[in-house]
Amino acid sequence: MIKIRPATEADHTNISVLVVSVFRQRNEAQLIQGLRDGGHVALELVAEDEGGLVAHICLSRLSSPEGWLALAPLSVRAEAQGGGIGSELVRYAADAARQARFKAIVVVGDPDFYAKFGFVFEGPAELTTPYPAQYTGLYPIAPQTAGAEAVLVYPDPFAQV
């Protein structure tokens, strides 16, 4: 049985171990720590089973536009990938962002994966981003964001990894 809950400070070491094992390098773990240290994290969730942490997701506030979030990273333990845990975390995080009245979520990732959750790639919104546009997806929460013209400004820790 998988339980999804907010991450706590006591989880930070285990999250770092999970993230490094999934990505096979430290960049994403350093990104998460930088986002925490800078006060940019809006939502951080973990999924756990009887054996411990299985997955993690982080949503951080963009510097601009105001009220927009970046989903990065999403990590699922290798042996648990393909079982729907990452999908459940994305759904849970998107719903929590909607309930908290954030305006939109952006992700840089696989369009085939994230489109299943309502992220739109190369859609009506015109986003200027420092990352490859074809992999930048928008999950509009506030109606006006669906067709927005926006320059995405990520918090400093994104530039440091």
C-alpha atoms as a PDB file:
ATOM      1  CA  MET A   1       0.000   0.000   0.000  1.00  0.00           C
ATOM      2  CA  ILE A   2       1.367   3.392  -1.028  1.00  0.00           C
ATOM      3  CA  LYS A   3       0.852   6.468   1.127  1.00  0.00           C
ATOM      4  CA  ILE A   4       1.302   9.987  -0.277  1.00  0.00           C
ATOM      5  CA  ARG A   5       2.083  12.744   2.205  1.00  0.00           C
ATOM      6  CA  PRO A   6       3.874  16.092   2.468  1.00  0.00           C
ATOM      7  CA  ALA A   7       7.638  15.761   2.802  1.00  0.00           C
ATOM      8  CA  THR A   8       9.122  16.749   6.147  1.00  0.00           C
ATOM      9  CA  GLU A   9      12.604  17.873   7.097  1.00  0.00           C
ATOM     10  CA  ALA A  10      13.197  14.358   8.442  1.00  0.00           C
ATOM     11  CA  ASP A  11      12.741  13.059   4.865  1.00  0.00           C
ATOM     12  CA  HIS A  12      15.408  15.258   3.263  1.00  0.00           C
ATOM     13  CA  THR A  13      18.293  12.786   3.450  1.00  0.00           C
ATOM     14  CA  ASN A  14      16.172   9.916   2.133  1.00  0.00           C
ATOM     15  CA  ILE A  15      14.836  12.156  -0.648  1.00  0.00           C
ATOM     16  CA  SER A  16      18.402  13.025  -1.685  1.00  0.00           C
ATOM     17  CA  VAL A  17      19.362   9.341  -1.755  1.00  0.00           C
ATOM     18  CA  LEU A  18      16.280   8.521  -3.848  1.00  0.00           C
ATOM     19  CA  VAL A  19      16.838  11.377  -6.296  1.00  0.00           C
ATOM     20  CA  VAL A  20      20.539  10.600  -6.789  1.00  0.00           C
ATOM     21  CA  SER A  21      19.753   6.910  -7.337  1.00  0.00           C
ATOM     22  CA  VAL A  22      17.062   7.717  -9.915  1.00  0.00           C
ATOM     23  CA  PHE A  23      19.028  10.340 -11.881  1.00  0.00           C
ATOM     24  CA  ARG A  24      22.463   8.754 -11.260  1.00  0.00           C
ATOM     25  CA  GLN A  25      24.017  12.117 -10.447  1.00  0.00           C
ATOM     26  CA  ARG A  26      23.571  14.918  -7.878  1.00  0.00           C
ATOM     27  CA  ASN A  27      22.186  17.805  -9.976  1.00  0.00           C
ATOM     28  CA  GLU A  28      18.513  17.256  -9.139  1.00  0.00           C
ATOM     29  CA  ALA A  29      19.251  16.699  -5.434  1.00  0.00           C
ATOM     30  CA  GLN A  30      21.228  19.960  -5.424  1.00  0.00           C
ATOM     31  CA  LEU A  31      18.343  21.693  -7.210  1.00  0.00           C
ATOM     32  CA  ILE A  32      15.879  20.563  -4.550  1.00  0.00           C
ATOM     33  CA  GLN A  33      18.160  21.704  -1.737  1.00  0.00           C
ATOM     34  CA  GLY A  34      18.698  25.070  -3.423  1.00  0.00           C
ATOM     35  CA  LEU A  35      14.946  25.517  -3.855  1.00  0.00           C
ATOM     36  CA  ARG A  36      14.392  24.672  -0.183  1.00  0.00           C
ATOM     37  CA  ASP A  37      17.179  26.978   0.983  1.00  0.00           C
ATOM     38  CA  GLY A  38      15.813  29.843  -1.121  1.00  0.00           C
ATOM     39  CA  GLY A  39      12.231  29.399   0.109  1.00  0.00           C
ATOM     40  CA  HIS A  40      10.975  28.590  -3.386  1.00  0.00           C
ATOM     41  CA  VAL A  41       9.294  25.239  -2.638  1.00  0.00           C
ATOM     42  CA  ALA A  42       5.507  25.484  -2.754  1.00  0.00           C
ATOM     43  CA  LEU A  43       4.780  21.772  -2.390  1.00  0.00           C
ATOM     44  CA  GLU A  44       6.965  18.745  -1.799  1.00  0.00           C
ATOM     45  CA  LEU A  45       5.391  15.296  -1.587  1.00  0.00           C
ATOM     46  CA  VAL A  46       6.651  11.782  -1.006  1.00  0.00           C
ATOM     47  CA  ALA A  47       5.125   8.380  -1.662  1.00  0.00           C
ATOM     48  CA  GLU A  48       6.106   5.604   0.685  1.00  0.00           C
ATOM     49  CA  ASP A  49       5.396   1.943   1.225  1.00  0.00           C
ATOM     50  CA  GLU A  50       6.372  -0.410   4.036  1.00  0.00           C
ATOM     51  CA  GLY A  51       9.961  -0.331   2.758  1.00  0.00           C
ATOM     52  CA  GLY A  52      10.323   3.459   2.822  1.00  0.00           C
ATOM     53  CA  LEU A  53      10.310   6.218   0.224  1.00  0.00           C
ATOM     54  CA  VAL A  54       9.258   5.125  -3.243  1.00  0.00           C
ATOM     55  CA  ALA A  55       8.810   8.475  -4.976  1.00  0.00           C
ATOM     56  CA  HIS A  56       9.123  12.246  -4.600  1.00  0.00           C
ATOM     57  CA  ILE A  57       7.821  15.346  -6.395  1.00  0.00           C
ATOM     58  CA  CYS A  58       8.690  19.004  -5.971  1.00  0.00           C
ATOM     59  CA  LEU A  59       6.705  22.048  -7.082  1.00  0.00           C
ATOM     60  CA  SER A  60       8.472  25.395  -6.749  1.00  0.00           C
ATOM     61  CA  ARG A  61       7.345  28.953  -7.348  1.00  0.00           C
ATOM     62  CA  LEU A  62       8.517  30.553 -10.576  1.00  0.00           C
ATOM     63  CA  SER A  63      10.036  34.000 -10.157  1.00  0.00           C
ATOM     64  CA  SER A  64       7.686  35.081 -12.951  1.00  0.00           C
ATOM     65  CA  PRO A  65       4.816  34.932 -13.780  1.00  0.00           C
ATOM     66  CA  GLU A  66       3.498  35.323 -10.266  1.00  0.00           C
ATOM     67  CA  GLY A  67       1.434  32.399  -9.043  1.00  0.00           C
ATOM     68  CA  TRP A  68       2.973  29.904 -11.489  1.00  0.00           C
ATOM     69  CA  LEU A  69       4.807  26.762 -10.382  1.00  0.00           C
ATOM     70  CA  ALA A  70       7.515  24.561 -11.860  1.00  0.00           C
ATOM     71  CA  LEU A  71       7.260  20.792 -11.466  1.00  0.00           C
ATOM     72  CA  ALA A  72      10.805  19.522 -11.019  1.00  0.00           C
ATOM     73  CA  PRO A  73      11.906  16.958 -10.328  1.00  0.00           C
ATOM     74  CA  LEU A  74       9.723  13.859 -10.205  1.00  0.00           C
ATOM     75  CA  SER A  75      11.595  10.789  -8.963  1.00  0.00           C
ATOM     76  CA  VAL A  76      10.380   7.197  -8.696  1.00  0.00           C
ATOM     77  CA  ARG A  77      12.557   4.362  -7.371  1.00  0.00           C
ATOM     78  CA  ALA A  78      13.673   2.225 -10.335  1.00  0.00           C
ATOM     79  CA  GLU A  79      11.927  -0.970  -9.258  1.00  0.00           C
ATOM     80  CA  ALA A  80       8.651   0.938  -8.754  1.00  0.00           C
ATOM     81  CA  GLN A  81       8.639   2.692 -12.142  1.00  0.00           C
ATOM     82  CA  GLY A  82       5.770   1.763 -14.430  1.00  0.00           C
ATOM     83  CA  GLY A  83       3.447   1.021 -11.524  1.00  0.00           C
ATOM     84  CA  GLY A  84       1.535   4.306 -11.580  1.00  0.00           C
ATOM     85  CA  ILE A  85       3.136   5.885  -8.506  1.00  0.00           C
ATOM     86  CA  GLY A  86       4.644   8.800 -10.450  1.00  0.00           C
ATOM     87  CA  SER A  87       1.315   9.384 -12.175  1.00  0.00           C
ATOM     88  CA  GLU A  88      -0.472   9.445  -8.845  1.00  0.00           C
ATOM     89  CA  LEU A  89       2.024  11.956  -7.448  1.00  0.00           C
ATOM     90  CA  VAL A  90       1.562  14.251 -10.469  1.00  0.00           C
ATOM     91  CA  ARG A  91      -2.249  14.096 -10.102  1.00  0.00           C
ATOM     92  CA  TYR A  92      -2.067  14.703  -6.357  1.00  0.00           C
ATOM     93  CA  ALA A  93       0.352  17.626  -6.752  1.00  0.00           C
ATOM     94  CA  ALA A  94      -1.714  19.245  -9.528  1.00  0.00           C
ATOM     95  CA  ASP A  95      -4.855  18.967  -7.416  1.00  0.00           C
ATOM     96  CA  ALA A  96      -3.083  20.448  -4.380  1.00  0.00           C
ATOM     97  CA  ALA A  97      -1.841  23.362  -6.534  1.00  0.00           C
ATOM     98  CA  ARG A  98      -5.370  23.928  -7.826  1.00  0.00           C
ATOM     99  CA  GLN A  99      -6.800  23.902  -4.294  1.00  0.00           C
ATOM    100  CA  ALA A 100      -4.105  26.363  -3.177  1.00  0.00           C
ATOM    101  CA  ARG A 101      -5.227  28.646  -6.044  1.00  0.00           C
ATOM    102  CA  PHE A 102      -1.971  28.730  -7.954  1.00  0.00           C
ATOM    103  CA  LYS A 103      -2.460  29.872 -11.539  1.00  0.00           C
ATOM    104  CA  ALA A 104      -0.485  27.308 -13.552  1.00  0.00           C
ATOM    105  CA  ILE A 105       2.192  24.621 -13.459  1.00  0.00           C
ATOM    106  CA  VAL A 106       4.957  24.226 -16.022  1.00  0.00           C
ATOM    107  CA  VAL A 107       7.096  21.158 -16.563  1.00  0.00           C
ATOM    108  CA  VAL A 108      10.068  20.339 -18.737  1.00  0.00           C
ATOM    109  CA  GLY A 109       9.667  16.683 -19.573  1.00  0.00           C
ATOM    110  CA  ASP A 110       8.302  13.958 -21.798  1.00  0.00           C
ATOM    111  CA  PRO A 111       5.209  15.288 -23.605  1.00  0.00           C
ATOM    112  CA  ASP A 112       3.724  11.781 -23.911  1.00  0.00           C
ATOM    113  CA  PHE A 113       3.885  11.272 -20.134  1.00  0.00           C
ATOM    114  CA  TYR A 114       2.753  14.698 -18.925  1.00  0.00           C
ATOM    115  CA  ALA A 115      -0.009  15.208 -21.530  1.00  0.00           C
ATOM    116  CA  LYS A 116      -1.949  12.429 -19.757  1.00  0.00           C
ATOM    117  CA  PHE A 117      -2.446  14.807 -16.821  1.00  0.00           C
ATOM    118  CA  GLY A 118      -3.547  17.839 -18.809  1.00  0.00           C
ATOM    119  CA  PHE A 119      -0.180  19.450 -19.565  1.00  0.00           C
ATOM    120  CA  VAL A 120      -0.313  21.120 -22.975  1.00  0.00           C
ATOM    121  CA  PHE A 121       2.784  21.185 -25.179  1.00  0.00           C
ATOM    122  CA  GLU A 122       2.974  23.593 -28.112  1.00  0.00           C
ATOM    123  CA  GLY A 123      -0.536  24.759 -27.297  1.00  0.00           C
ATOM    124  CA  PRO A 124      -2.286  28.097 -27.476  1.00  0.00           C
ATOM    125  CA  ALA A 125      -0.106  29.608 -24.728  1.00  0.00           C
ATOM    126  CA  GLU A 126       3.045  31.367 -25.911  1.00  0.00           C
ATOM    127  CA  LEU A 127       5.757  30.639 -23.380  1.00  0.00           C
ATOM    128  CA  THR A 128       9.260  32.028 -23.562  1.00  0.00           C
ATOM    129  CA  THR A 129      11.475  29.595 -21.684  1.00  0.00           C
ATOM    130  CA  PRO A 130      15.177  28.951 -21.169  1.00  0.00           C
ATOM    131  CA  TYR A 131      14.495  25.252 -21.807  1.00  0.00           C
ATOM    132  CA  PRO A 132      13.548  23.429 -25.032  1.00  0.00           C
ATOM    133  CA  ALA A 133      10.064  24.659 -25.957  1.00  0.00           C
ATOM    134  CA  GLN A 134       8.954  21.291 -27.359  1.00  0.00           C
ATOM    135  CA  TYR A 135       9.468  19.744 -23.893  1.00  0.00           C
ATOM    136  CA  THR A 136       7.882  22.589 -21.917  1.00  0.00           C
ATOM    137  CA  GLY A 137       4.326  21.801 -20.898  1.00  0.00           C
ATOM    138  CA  LEU A 138       1.698  24.015 -19.303  1.00  0.00           C
ATOM    139  CA  TYR A 139      -0.990  22.862 -16.892  1.00  0.00           C
ATOM    140  CA  PRO A 140      -3.383  25.816 -16.787  1.00  0.00           C
ATOM    141  CA  ILE A 141      -5.279  26.185 -13.528  1.00  0.00           C
ATOM    142  CA  ALA A 142      -6.639  29.732 -13.818  1.00  0.00           C
ATOM    143  CA  PRO A 143      -8.625  30.024 -17.072  1.00  0.00           C
ATOM    144  CA  GLN A 144      -6.608  32.992 -18.381  1.00  0.00           C
ATOM    145  CA  THR A 145      -3.368  30.975 -18.291  1.00  0.00           C
ATOM    146  CA  ALA A 146      -4.456  28.556 -21.022  1.00  0.00           C
ATOM    147  CA  GLY A 147      -3.688  31.087 -23.755  1.00  0.00           C
ATOM    148  CA  ALA A 148      -1.198  33.264 -21.884  1.00  0.00           C
ATOM    149  CA  GLU A 149       1.831  34.974 -23.314  1.00  0.00           C
ATOM    150  CA  ALA A 150       4.437  34.567 -20.597  1.00  0.00           C
ATOM    151  CA  VAL A 151       8.161  34.702 -20.022  1.00  0.00           C
ATOM    152  CA  LEU A 152       9.061  31.905 -17.613  1.00  0.00           C
ATOM    153  CA  VAL A 153      11.635  33.008 -15.066  1.00  0.00           C
ATOM    154  CA  TYR A 154      12.854  30.144 -12.926  1.00  0.00           C
ATOM    155  CA  PRO A 155      14.336  30.654  -9.446  1.00  0.00           C
ATOM    156  CA  ASP A 156      18.142  30.914  -9.303  1.00  0.00           C
ATOM    157  CA  PRO A 157      18.747  27.285  -8.211  1.00  0.00           C
ATOM    158  CA  PHE A 158      17.639  26.088 -11.673  1.00  0.00           C
ATOM    159  CA  ALA A 159      20.551  27.955 -13.264  1.00  0.00           C
ATOM    160  CA  GLN A 160      23.014  26.467 -10.789  1.00  0.00           C
ATOM    161  CA  VAL A 161      22.544  22.818 -11.792  1.00  0.00           C
END
